[in-house]
Amino acid sequence: MADRVVVMNKGKIEQIGTPDEVYAAPATPFVYQFIGNVNLFHSRDHAPWTEQHGDAVAYVRPHDIDISRTPQDDTALPVRLNWCAPSVRSCVWKWRRTAAAS
């Protein structure tokens, strides 16, 4: 593997960097999806730590998700799992975020 990579999309440079930089901090949604498997979580919630409002998309790699009955640390998001449909290759999760416990 090269020590620098260039990710291009239809002749346009999307990102230049080391393989680790490109993988760990993709510059665009295209780069995120090009580098490997990614889950897209669509949201309309307003996050209290940001000034952004409206629709948002979170790009999360499958190995970065842990599902647990109890929070493991303060970064955990409470969710309610509505159903899981196992298949031969994967499990499809339908979930919705719940209000944090007071």
PDB file of N, CA and C in Angstrom:
ATOM      1  N   MET A   1       0.846  -1.163   0.000  1.00  0.00           N
ATOM      2  CA  MET A   1       0.000   0.000   0.000  1.00  0.00           C
ATOM      3  C   MET A   1       0.900   1.238   0.000  1.00  0.00           C
ATOM      4  N   ALA A   2       0.444   2.247  -0.650  1.00  0.00           N
ATOM      5  CA  ALA A   2       1.185   3.516  -0.746  1.00  0.00           C
ATOM      6  C   ALA A   2       1.169   4.258   0.585  1.00  0.00           C
ATOM      7  N   ASP A   3       2.126   5.183   0.743  1.00  0.00           N
ATOM      8  CA  ASP A   3       2.128   6.000   1.954  1.00  0.00           C
ATOM      9  C   ASP A   3       1.203   7.208   1.821  1.00  0.00           C
ATOM     10  N   ARG A   4       0.738   7.530   0.606  1.00  0.00           N
ATOM     11  CA  ARG A   4      -0.254   8.575   0.345  1.00  0.00           C
ATOM     12  C   ARG A   4      -1.247   8.022  -0.669  1.00  0.00           C
ATOM     13  N   VAL A   5      -2.516   8.310  -0.463  1.00  0.00           N
ATOM     14  CA  VAL A   5      -3.543   7.871  -1.395  1.00  0.00           C
ATOM     15  C   VAL A   5      -4.389   9.067  -1.827  1.00  0.00           C
ATOM     16  N   VAL A   6      -4.953   8.948  -3.008  1.00  0.00           N
ATOM     17  CA  VAL A   6      -5.869   9.949  -3.536  1.00  0.00           C
ATOM     18  C   VAL A   6      -7.164   9.224  -3.872  1.00  0.00           C
ATOM     19  N   VAL A   7      -8.265   9.687  -3.294  1.00  0.00           N
ATOM     20  CA  VAL A   7      -9.569   9.125  -3.606  1.00  0.00           C
ATOM     21  C   VAL A   7     -10.246  10.086  -4.574  1.00  0.00           C
ATOM     22  N   MET A   8     -10.634   9.545  -5.750  1.00  0.00           N
ATOM     23  CA  MET A   8     -11.265  10.379  -6.779  1.00  0.00           C
ATOM     24  C   MET A   8     -12.668   9.882  -7.058  1.00  0.00           C
ATOM     25  N   ASN A   9     -13.528  10.812  -7.428  1.00  0.00           N
ATOM     26  CA  ASN A   9     -14.912  10.520  -7.777  1.00  0.00           C
ATOM     27  C   ASN A   9     -15.241  11.258  -9.064  1.00  0.00           C
ATOM     28  N   LYS A  10     -15.429  10.514 -10.140  1.00  0.00           N
ATOM     29  CA  LYS A  10     -15.750  11.100 -11.450  1.00  0.00           C
ATOM     30  C   LYS A  10     -14.735  12.166 -11.859  1.00  0.00           C
ATOM     31  N   GLY A  11     -13.453  11.871 -11.634  1.00  0.00           N
ATOM     32  CA  GLY A  11     -12.395  12.783 -12.037  1.00  0.00           C
ATOM     33  C   GLY A  11     -12.098  13.911 -11.067  1.00  0.00           C
ATOM     34  N   LYS A  12     -12.826  14.001  -9.978  1.00  0.00           N
ATOM     35  CA  LYS A  12     -12.621  15.053  -8.978  1.00  0.00           C
ATOM     36  C   LYS A  12     -11.962  14.444  -7.744  1.00  0.00           C
ATOM     37  N   ILE A  13     -10.937  15.110  -7.227  1.00  0.00           N
ATOM     38  CA  ILE A  13     -10.271  14.636  -6.020  1.00  0.00           C
ATOM     39  C   ILE A  13     -11.173  14.889  -4.809  1.00  0.00           C
ATOM     40  N   GLU A  14     -11.466  13.820  -4.099  1.00  0.00           N
ATOM     41  CA  GLU A  14     -12.287  13.929  -2.890  1.00  0.00           C
ATOM     42  C   GLU A  14     -11.419  14.063  -1.643  1.00  0.00           C
ATOM     43  N   GLN A  15     -10.269  13.349  -1.615  1.00  0.00           N
ATOM     44  CA  GLN A  15      -9.399  13.417  -0.444  1.00  0.00           C
ATOM     45  C   GLN A  15      -8.014  12.896  -0.790  1.00  0.00           C
ATOM     46  N   ILE A  16      -7.007  13.511  -0.185  1.00  0.00           N
ATOM     47  CA  ILE A  16      -5.620  13.074  -0.285  1.00  0.00           C
ATOM     48  C   ILE A  16      -5.102  12.905   1.136  1.00  0.00           C
ATOM     49  N   GLY A  17      -4.415  11.804   1.401  1.00  0.00           N
ATOM     50  CA  GLY A  17      -3.847  11.605   2.732  1.00  0.00           C
ATOM     51  C   GLY A  17      -3.216  10.244   2.859  1.00  0.00           C
ATOM     52  N   THR A  18      -2.744   9.933   4.050  1.00  0.00           N
ATOM     53  CA  THR A  18      -2.222   8.593   4.298  1.00  0.00           C
ATOM     54  C   THR A  18      -3.410   7.637   4.368  1.00  0.00           C
ATOM     55  N   PRO A  19      -3.173   6.342   4.185  1.00  0.00           N
ATOM     56  CA  PRO A  19      -4.289   5.393   4.306  1.00  0.00           C
ATOM     57  C   PRO A  19      -5.007   5.505   5.654  1.00  0.00           C
ATOM     58  N   ASP A  20      -4.247   5.679   6.739  1.00  0.00           N
ATOM     59  CA  ASP A  20      -4.875   5.825   8.054  1.00  0.00           C
ATOM     60  C   ASP A  20      -5.721   7.090   8.156  1.00  0.00           C
ATOM     61  N   GLU A  21      -5.237   8.201   7.609  1.00  0.00           N
ATOM     62  CA  GLU A  21      -5.997   9.457   7.647  1.00  0.00           C
ATOM     63  C   GLU A  21      -7.299   9.327   6.865  1.00  0.00           C
ATOM     64  N   VAL A  22      -7.217   8.750   5.683  1.00  0.00           N
ATOM     65  CA  VAL A  22      -8.403   8.618   4.835  1.00  0.00           C
ATOM     66  C   VAL A  22      -9.431   7.703   5.492  1.00  0.00           C
ATOM     67  N   TYR A  23      -8.968   6.613   6.112  1.00  0.00           N
ATOM     68  CA  TYR A  23      -9.893   5.674   6.755  1.00  0.00           C
ATOM     69  C   TYR A  23     -10.500   6.278   8.025  1.00  0.00           C
ATOM     70  N   ALA A  24      -9.668   6.909   8.851  1.00  0.00           N
ATOM     71  CA  ALA A  24     -10.127   7.407  10.147  1.00  0.00           C
ATOM     72  C   ALA A  24     -10.920   8.708  10.051  1.00  0.00           C
ATOM     73  N   ALA A  25     -10.645   9.520   9.035  1.00  0.00           N
ATOM     74  CA  ALA A  25     -11.310  10.821   8.921  1.00  0.00           C
ATOM     75  C   ALA A  25     -11.677  11.098   7.467  1.00  0.00           C
ATOM     76  N   PRO A  26     -12.656  10.360   6.929  1.00  0.00           N
ATOM     77  CA  PRO A  26     -13.069  10.600   5.547  1.00  0.00           C
ATOM     78  C   PRO A  26     -13.558  12.036   5.367  1.00  0.00           C
ATOM     79  N   ALA A  27     -13.159  12.661   4.268  1.00  0.00           N
ATOM     80  CA  ALA A  27     -13.493  14.065   4.032  1.00  0.00           C
ATOM     81  C   ALA A  27     -14.917  14.268   3.521  1.00  0.00           C
ATOM     82  N   THR A  28     -15.469  13.260   2.861  1.00  0.00           N
ATOM     83  CA  THR A  28     -16.804  13.392   2.269  1.00  0.00           C
ATOM     84  C   THR A  28     -17.581  12.089   2.443  1.00  0.00           C
ATOM     85  N   PRO A  29     -18.902  12.141   2.293  1.00  0.00           N
ATOM     86  CA  PRO A  29     -19.680  10.906   2.330  1.00  0.00           C
ATOM     87  C   PRO A  29     -19.212   9.887   1.284  1.00  0.00           C
ATOM     88  N   PHE A  30     -18.817  10.361   0.106  1.00  0.00           N
ATOM     89  CA  PHE A  30     -18.333   9.441  -0.927  1.00  0.00           C
ATOM     90  C   PHE A  30     -17.124   8.656  -0.426  1.00  0.00           C
ATOM     91  N   VAL A  31     -16.158   9.336   0.187  1.00  0.00           N
ATOM     92  CA  VAL A  31     -14.953   8.668   0.692  1.00  0.00           C
ATOM     93  C   VAL A  31     -15.336   7.664   1.770  1.00  0.00           C
ATOM     94  N   TYR A  32     -16.229   8.052   2.663  1.00  0.00           N
ATOM     95  CA  TYR A  32     -16.654   7.148   3.736  1.00  0.00           C
ATOM     96  C   TYR A  32     -17.194   5.850   3.158  1.00  0.00           C
ATOM     97  N   GLN A  33     -18.051   5.943   2.154  1.00  0.00           N
ATOM     98  CA  GLN A  33     -18.649   4.748   1.562  1.00  0.00           C
ATOM     99  C   GLN A  33     -17.677   4.003   0.663  1.00  0.00           C
ATOM    100  N   PHE A  34     -16.756   4.702   0.039  1.00  0.00           N
ATOM    101  CA  PHE A  34     -15.793   4.084  -0.864  1.00  0.00           C
ATOM    102  C   PHE A  34     -14.797   3.202  -0.105  1.00  0.00           C
ATOM    103  N   ILE A  35     -14.395   3.631   1.075  1.00  0.00           N
ATOM    104  CA  ILE A  35     -13.362   2.941   1.846  1.00  0.00           C
ATOM    105  C   ILE A  35     -13.851   1.613   2.413  1.00  0.00           C
ATOM    106  N   GLY A  36     -15.113   1.468   2.730  1.00  0.00           N
ATOM    107  CA  GLY A  36     -15.582   0.207   3.300  1.00  0.00           C
ATOM    108  C   GLY A  36     -17.038   0.262   3.701  1.00  0.00           C
ATOM    109  N   ASN A  37     -17.498  -0.818   4.323  1.00  0.00           N
ATOM    110  CA  ASN A  37     -18.887  -0.901   4.767  1.00  0.00           C
ATOM    111  C   ASN A  37     -19.202   0.212   5.749  1.00  0.00           C
ATOM    112  N   VAL A  38     -20.389   0.775   5.610  1.00  0.00           N
ATOM    113  CA  VAL A  38     -20.813   1.847   6.503  1.00  0.00           C
ATOM    114  C   VAL A  38     -22.329   1.766   6.687  1.00  0.00           C
ATOM    115  N   ASN A  39     -22.780   2.040   7.904  1.00  0.00           N
ATOM    116  CA  ASN A  39     -24.204   2.146   8.192  1.00  0.00           C
ATOM    117  C   ASN A  39     -24.566   3.617   8.192  1.00  0.00           C
ATOM    118  N   LEU A  40     -25.698   3.926   7.593  1.00  0.00           N
ATOM    119  CA  LEU A  40     -26.190   5.306   7.571  1.00  0.00           C
ATOM    120  C   LEU A  40     -27.368   5.407   8.523  1.00  0.00           C
ATOM    121  N   PHE A  41     -27.281   6.339   9.452  1.00  0.00           N
ATOM    122  CA  PHE A  41     -28.371   6.601  10.380  1.00  0.00           C
ATOM    123  C   PHE A  41     -28.908   7.993  10.085  1.00  0.00           C
ATOM    124  N   HIS A  42     -30.166   8.044   9.620  1.00  0.00           N
ATOM    125  CA  HIS A  42     -30.801   9.314   9.291  1.00  0.00           C
ATOM    126  C   HIS A  42     -31.523   9.836  10.527  1.00  0.00           C
ATOM    127  N   SER A  43     -31.436  11.135  10.744  1.00  0.00           N
ATOM    128  CA  SER A  43     -32.019  11.717  11.945  1.00  0.00           C
ATOM    129  C   SER A  43     -32.592  13.091  11.653  1.00  0.00           C
ATOM    130  N   ARG A  44     -33.555  13.464  12.437  1.00  0.00           N
ATOM    131  CA  ARG A  44     -34.082  14.825  12.405  1.00  0.00           C
ATOM    132  C   ARG A  44     -33.966  15.458  13.784  1.00  0.00           C
ATOM    133  N   ASP A  45     -33.312  14.747  14.687  1.00  0.00           N
ATOM    134  CA  ASP A  45     -33.140  15.258  16.045  1.00  0.00           C
ATOM    135  C   ASP A  45     -32.189  16.440  16.060  1.00  0.00           C
ATOM    136  N   HIS A  46     -32.411  17.311  17.004  1.00  0.00           N
ATOM    137  CA  HIS A  46     -31.462  18.399  17.252  1.00  0.00           C
ATOM    138  C   HIS A  46     -30.543  17.947  18.377  1.00  0.00           C
ATOM    139  N   ALA A  47     -29.277  17.824  18.086  1.00  0.00           N
ATOM    140  CA  ALA A  47     -28.305  17.442  19.103  1.00  0.00           C
ATOM    141  C   ALA A  47     -27.954  18.662  19.944  1.00  0.00           C
ATOM    142  N   PRO A  48     -27.994  18.548  21.264  1.00  0.00           N
ATOM    143  CA  PRO A  48     -27.743  19.713  22.113  1.00  0.00           C
ATOM    144  C   PRO A  48     -26.314  20.246  22.020  1.00  0.00           C
ATOM    145  N   TRP A  49     -25.382  19.454  21.547  1.00  0.00           N
ATOM    146  CA  TRP A  49     -23.982  19.884  21.486  1.00  0.00           C
ATOM    147  C   TRP A  49     -23.626  20.576  20.174  1.00  0.00           C
ATOM    148  N   THR A  50     -24.599  20.776  19.299  1.00  0.00           N
ATOM    149  CA  THR A  50     -24.327  21.419  18.024  1.00  0.00           C
ATOM    150  C   THR A  50     -25.383  22.468  17.722  1.00  0.00           C
ATOM    151  N   GLU A  51     -25.055  23.393  16.869  1.00  0.00           N
ATOM    152  CA  GLU A  51     -26.004  24.430  16.466  1.00  0.00           C
ATOM    153  C   GLU A  51     -26.772  24.025  15.210  1.00  0.00           C
ATOM    154  N   GLN A  52     -26.496  22.859  14.676  1.00  0.00           N
ATOM    155  CA  GLN A  52     -27.157  22.428  13.448  1.00  0.00           C
ATOM    156  C   GLN A  52     -28.555  21.902  13.754  1.00  0.00           C
ATOM    157  N   HIS A  53     -29.482  22.222  12.871  1.00  0.00           N
ATOM    158  CA  HIS A  53     -30.859  21.765  13.002  1.00  0.00           C
ATOM    159  C   HIS A  53     -31.261  21.083  11.704  1.00  0.00           C
ATOM    160  N   GLY A  54     -32.300  20.266  11.760  1.00  0.00           N
ATOM    161  CA  GLY A  54     -32.817  19.638  10.547  1.00  0.00           C
ATOM    162  C   GLY A  54     -32.286  18.242  10.337  1.00  0.00           C
ATOM    163  N   ASP A  55     -32.357  17.799   9.088  1.00  0.00           N
ATOM    164  CA  ASP A  55     -31.951  16.442   8.750  1.00  0.00           C
ATOM    165  C   ASP A  55     -30.441  16.268   8.911  1.00  0.00           C
ATOM    166  N   ALA A  56     -30.061  15.096   9.358  1.00  0.00           N
ATOM    167  CA  ALA A  56     -28.642  14.773   9.512  1.00  0.00           C
ATOM    168  C   ALA A  56     -28.442  13.304   9.184  1.00  0.00           C
ATOM    169  N   VAL A  57     -27.240  12.951   8.789  1.00  0.00           N
ATOM    170  CA  VAL A  57     -26.889  11.561   8.514  1.00  0.00           C
ATOM    171  C   VAL A  57     -25.604  11.250   9.271  1.00  0.00           C
ATOM    172  N   ALA A  58     -25.624  10.155  10.021  1.00  0.00           N
ATOM    173  CA  ALA A  58     -24.419   9.688  10.712  1.00  0.00           C
ATOM    174  C   ALA A  58     -23.890   8.476   9.949  1.00  0.00           C
ATOM    175  N   TYR A  59     -22.603   8.487   9.661  1.00  0.00           N
ATOM    176  CA  TYR A  59     -21.933   7.378   8.986  1.00  0.00           C
ATOM    177  C   TYR A  59     -21.162   6.600  10.051  1.00  0.00           C
ATOM    178  N   VAL A  60     -21.534   5.338  10.244  1.00  0.00           N
ATOM    179  CA  VAL A  60     -20.927   4.530  11.301  1.00  0.00           C
ATOM    180  C   VAL A  60     -20.507   3.188  10.725  1.00  0.00           C
ATOM    181  N   ARG A  61     -19.261   2.817  10.954  1.00  0.00           N
ATOM    182  CA  ARG A  61     -18.774   1.519  10.503  1.00  0.00           C
ATOM    183  C   ARG A  61     -19.328   0.424  11.418  1.00  0.00           C
ATOM    184  N   PRO A  62     -19.674  -0.737  10.856  1.00  0.00           N
ATOM    185  CA  PRO A  62     -20.282  -1.809  11.661  1.00  0.00           C
ATOM    186  C   PRO A  62     -19.466  -2.188  12.896  1.00  0.00           C
ATOM    187  N   HIS A  63     -18.155  -2.199  12.797  1.00  0.00           N
ATOM    188  CA  HIS A  63     -17.344  -2.603  13.949  1.00  0.00           C
ATOM    189  C   HIS A  63     -17.258  -1.523  15.025  1.00  0.00           C
ATOM    190  N   ASP A  64     -17.820  -0.337  14.755  1.00  0.00           N
ATOM    191  CA  ASP A  64     -17.836   0.738  15.751  1.00  0.00           C
ATOM    192  C   ASP A  64     -19.127   0.776  16.554  1.00  0.00           C
ATOM    193  N   ILE A  65     -20.032  -0.189  16.333  1.00  0.00           N
ATOM    194  CA  ILE A  65     -21.314  -0.228  17.030  1.00  0.00           C
ATOM    195  C   ILE A  65     -21.305  -1.377  18.031  1.00  0.00           C
ATOM    196  N   ASP A  66     -21.672  -1.072  19.264  1.00  0.00           N
ATOM    197  CA  ASP A  66     -21.877  -2.088  20.297  1.00  0.00           C
ATOM    198  C   ASP A  66     -23.303  -1.957  20.789  1.00  0.00           C
ATOM    199  N   ILE A  67     -24.009  -3.071  20.876  1.00  0.00           N
ATOM    200  CA  ILE A  67     -25.370  -3.066  21.404  1.00  0.00           C
ATOM    201  C   ILE A  67     -25.318  -3.759  22.758  1.00  0.00           C
ATOM    202  N   SER A  68     -25.815  -3.076  23.771  1.00  0.00           N
ATOM    203  CA  SER A  68     -25.731  -3.577  25.139  1.00  0.00           C
ATOM    204  C   SER A  68     -27.008  -3.225  25.882  1.00  0.00           C
ATOM    205  N   ARG A  69     -27.379  -4.059  26.839  1.00  0.00           N
ATOM    206  CA  ARG A  69     -28.557  -3.761  27.666  1.00  0.00           C
ATOM    207  C   ARG A  69     -28.312  -2.600  28.620  1.00  0.00           C
ATOM    208  N   THR A  70     -27.069  -2.404  29.002  1.00  0.00           N
ATOM    209  CA  THR A  70     -26.728  -1.323  29.927  1.00  0.00           C
ATOM    210  C   THR A  70     -25.628  -0.467  29.323  1.00  0.00           C
ATOM    211  N   PRO A  71     -25.631   0.841  29.595  1.00  0.00           N
ATOM    212  CA  PRO A  71     -24.586   1.720  29.053  1.00  0.00           C
ATOM    213  C   PRO A  71     -23.202   1.300  29.547  1.00  0.00           C
ATOM    214  N   GLN A  72     -22.242   1.306  28.645  1.00  0.00           N
ATOM    215  CA  GLN A  72     -20.877   0.952  29.008  1.00  0.00           C
ATOM    216  C   GLN A  72     -20.062   2.180  29.416  1.00  0.00           C
ATOM    217  N   ASP A  73     -20.456   3.359  28.932  1.00  0.00           N
ATOM    218  CA  ASP A  73     -19.781   4.610  29.289  1.00  0.00           C
ATOM    219  C   ASP A  73     -20.713   5.771  28.992  1.00  0.00           C
ATOM    220  N   ASP A  74     -20.239   6.989  29.147  1.00  0.00           N
ATOM    221  CA  ASP A  74     -21.100   8.166  28.974  1.00  0.00           C
ATOM    222  C   ASP A  74     -21.344   8.548  27.520  1.00  0.00           C
ATOM    223  N   THR A  75     -20.778   7.810  26.576  1.00  0.00           N
ATOM    224  CA  THR A  75     -21.041   8.091  25.162  1.00  0.00           C
ATOM    225  C   THR A  75     -22.200   7.263  24.617  1.00  0.00           C
ATOM    226  N   ALA A  76     -22.756   6.373  25.421  1.00  0.00           N
ATOM    227  CA  ALA A  76     -23.841   5.502  24.973  1.00  0.00           C
ATOM    228  C   ALA A  76     -25.115   6.305  24.700  1.00  0.00           C
ATOM    229  N   LEU A  77     -25.817   5.925  23.645  1.00  0.00           N
ATOM    230  CA  LEU A  77     -27.110   6.536  23.312  1.00  0.00           C
ATOM    231  C   LEU A  77     -28.214   5.555  23.664  1.00  0.00           C
ATOM    232  N   PRO A  78     -29.212   5.997  24.411  1.00  0.00           N
ATOM    233  CA  PRO A  78     -30.321   5.089  24.708  1.00  0.00           C
ATOM    234  C   PRO A  78     -31.193   4.901  23.468  1.00  0.00           C
ATOM    235  N   VAL A  79     -31.506   3.678  23.147  1.00  0.00           N
ATOM    236  CA  VAL A  79     -32.376   3.373  22.018  1.00  0.00           C
ATOM    237  C   VAL A  79     -33.346   2.283  22.422  1.00  0.00           C
ATOM    238  N   ARG A  80     -34.419   2.190  21.695  1.00  0.00           N
ATOM    239  CA  ARG A  80     -35.367   1.102  21.890  1.00  0.00           C
ATOM    240  C   ARG A  80     -35.321   0.250  20.642  1.00  0.00           C
ATOM    241  N   LEU A  81     -34.986  -1.003  20.787  1.00  0.00           N
ATOM    242  CA  LEU A  81     -34.912  -1.928  19.660  1.00  0.00           C
ATOM    243  C   LEU A  81     -36.306  -2.454  19.397  1.00  0.00           C
ATOM    244  N   ASN A  82     -36.839  -2.165  18.205  1.00  0.00           N
ATOM    245  CA  ASN A  82     -38.188  -2.590  17.865  1.00  0.00           C
ATOM    246  C   ASN A  82     -38.223  -4.004  17.309  1.00  0.00           C
ATOM    247  N   TRP A  83     -37.278  -4.332  16.450  1.00  0.00           N
ATOM    248  CA  TRP A  83     -37.203  -5.680  15.911  1.00  0.00           C
ATOM    249  C   TRP A  83     -35.863  -5.936  15.271  1.00  0.00           C
ATOM    250  N   CYS A  84     -35.558  -7.207  15.157  1.00  0.00           N
ATOM    251  CA  CYS A  84     -34.329  -7.638  14.494  1.00  0.00           C
ATOM    252  C   CYS A  84     -34.710  -8.768  13.558  1.00  0.00           C
ATOM    253  N   ALA A  85     -34.338  -8.629  12.297  1.00  0.00           N
ATOM    254  CA  ALA A  85     -34.660  -9.656  11.309  1.00  0.00           C
ATOM    255  C   ALA A  85     -33.362 -10.318  10.842  1.00  0.00           C
ATOM    256  N   PRO A  86     -33.017 -11.478  11.403  1.00  0.00           N
ATOM    257  CA  PRO A  86     -31.764 -12.121  10.994  1.00  0.00           C
ATOM    258  C   PRO A  86     -31.854 -12.654   9.570  1.00  0.00           C
ATOM    259  N   SER A  87     -30.736 -12.597   8.888  1.00  0.00           N
ATOM    260  CA  SER A  87     -30.640 -13.188   7.560  1.00  0.00           C
ATOM    261  C   SER A  87     -29.353 -13.991   7.515  1.00  0.00           C
ATOM    262  N   VAL A  88     -29.089 -14.592   6.400  1.00  0.00           N
ATOM    263  CA  VAL A  88     -27.896 -15.419   6.268  1.00  0.00           C
ATOM    264  C   VAL A  88     -26.633 -14.580   6.456  1.00  0.00           C
ATOM    265  N   ARG A  89     -26.608 -13.340   5.936  1.00  0.00           N
ATOM    266  CA  ARG A  89     -25.402 -12.523   5.954  1.00  0.00           C
ATOM    267  C   ARG A  89     -25.359 -11.482   7.056  1.00  0.00           C
ATOM    268  N   SER A  90     -26.520 -11.067   7.564  1.00  0.00           N
ATOM    269  CA  SER A  90     -26.493  -9.975   8.531  1.00  0.00           C
ATOM    270  C   SER A  90     -27.778  -9.942   9.340  1.00  0.00           C
ATOM    271  N   CYS A  91     -27.840  -9.005  10.243  1.00  0.00           N
ATOM    272  CA  CYS A  91     -29.036  -8.771  11.031  1.00  0.00           C
ATOM    273  C   CYS A  91     -29.454  -7.328  10.799  1.00  0.00           C
ATOM    274  N   VAL A  92     -30.679  -7.113  10.400  1.00  0.00           N
ATOM    275  CA  VAL A  92     -31.178  -5.764  10.141  1.00  0.00           C
ATOM    276  C   VAL A  92     -31.837  -5.255  11.416  1.00  0.00           C
ATOM    277  N   TRP A  93     -31.370  -4.106  11.896  1.00  0.00           N
ATOM    278  CA  TRP A  93     -31.901  -3.556  13.142  1.00  0.00           C
ATOM    279  C   TRP A  93     -32.813  -2.381  12.843  1.00  0.00           C
ATOM    280  N   LYS A  94     -34.002  -2.400  13.426  1.00  0.00           N
ATOM    281  CA  LYS A  94     -34.870  -1.226  13.374  1.00  0.00           C
ATOM    282  C   LYS A  94     -34.915  -0.674  14.797  1.00  0.00           C
ATOM    283  N   TRP A  95     -34.537   0.572  14.940  1.00  0.00           N
ATOM    284  CA  TRP A  95     -34.457   1.158  16.258  1.00  0.00           C
ATOM    285  C   TRP A  95     -34.890   2.597  16.202  1.00  0.00           C
ATOM    286  N   ARG A  96     -35.178   3.138  17.384  1.00  0.00           N
ATOM    287  CA  ARG A  96     -35.417   4.563  17.495  1.00  0.00           C
ATOM    288  C   ARG A  96     -34.828   5.036  18.804  1.00  0.00           C
ATOM    289  N   ARG A  97     -34.327   6.243  18.772  1.00  0.00           N
ATOM    290  CA  ARG A  97     -33.701   6.813  19.953  1.00  0.00           C
ATOM    291  C   ARG A  97     -34.765   7.169  20.974  1.00  0.00           C
ATOM    292  N   THR A  98     -34.499   6.883  22.235  1.00  0.00           N
ATOM    293  CA  THR A  98     -35.431   7.223  23.294  1.00  0.00           C
ATOM    294  C   THR A  98     -34.874   8.353  24.116  1.00  0.00           C
ATOM    295  N   ALA A  99     -35.702   8.973  24.898  1.00  0.00           N
ATOM    296  CA  ALA A  99     -35.243  10.057  25.760  1.00  0.00           C
ATOM    297  C   ALA A  99     -34.290   9.503  26.807  1.00  0.00           C
ATOM    298  N   ALA A 100     -33.279  10.262  27.141  1.00  0.00           N
ATOM    299  CA  ALA A 100     -32.315   9.847  28.155  1.00  0.00           C
ATOM    300  C   ALA A 100     -33.001   9.766  29.514  1.00  0.00           C
ATOM    301  N   ALA A 101     -32.577   8.812  30.301  1.00  0.00           N
ATOM    302  CA  ALA A 101     -33.135   8.666  31.645  1.00  0.00           C
ATOM    303  C   ALA A 101     -32.738   9.848  32.511  1.00  0.00           C
ATOM    304  N   SER A 102     -33.673  10.300  33.347  1.00  0.00           N
ATOM    305  CA  SER A 102     -33.389  11.455  34.215  1.00  0.00           C
ATOM    306  C   SER A 102     -32.727  10.996  35.493  1.00  0.00           C
TER     307      SER A 102
END
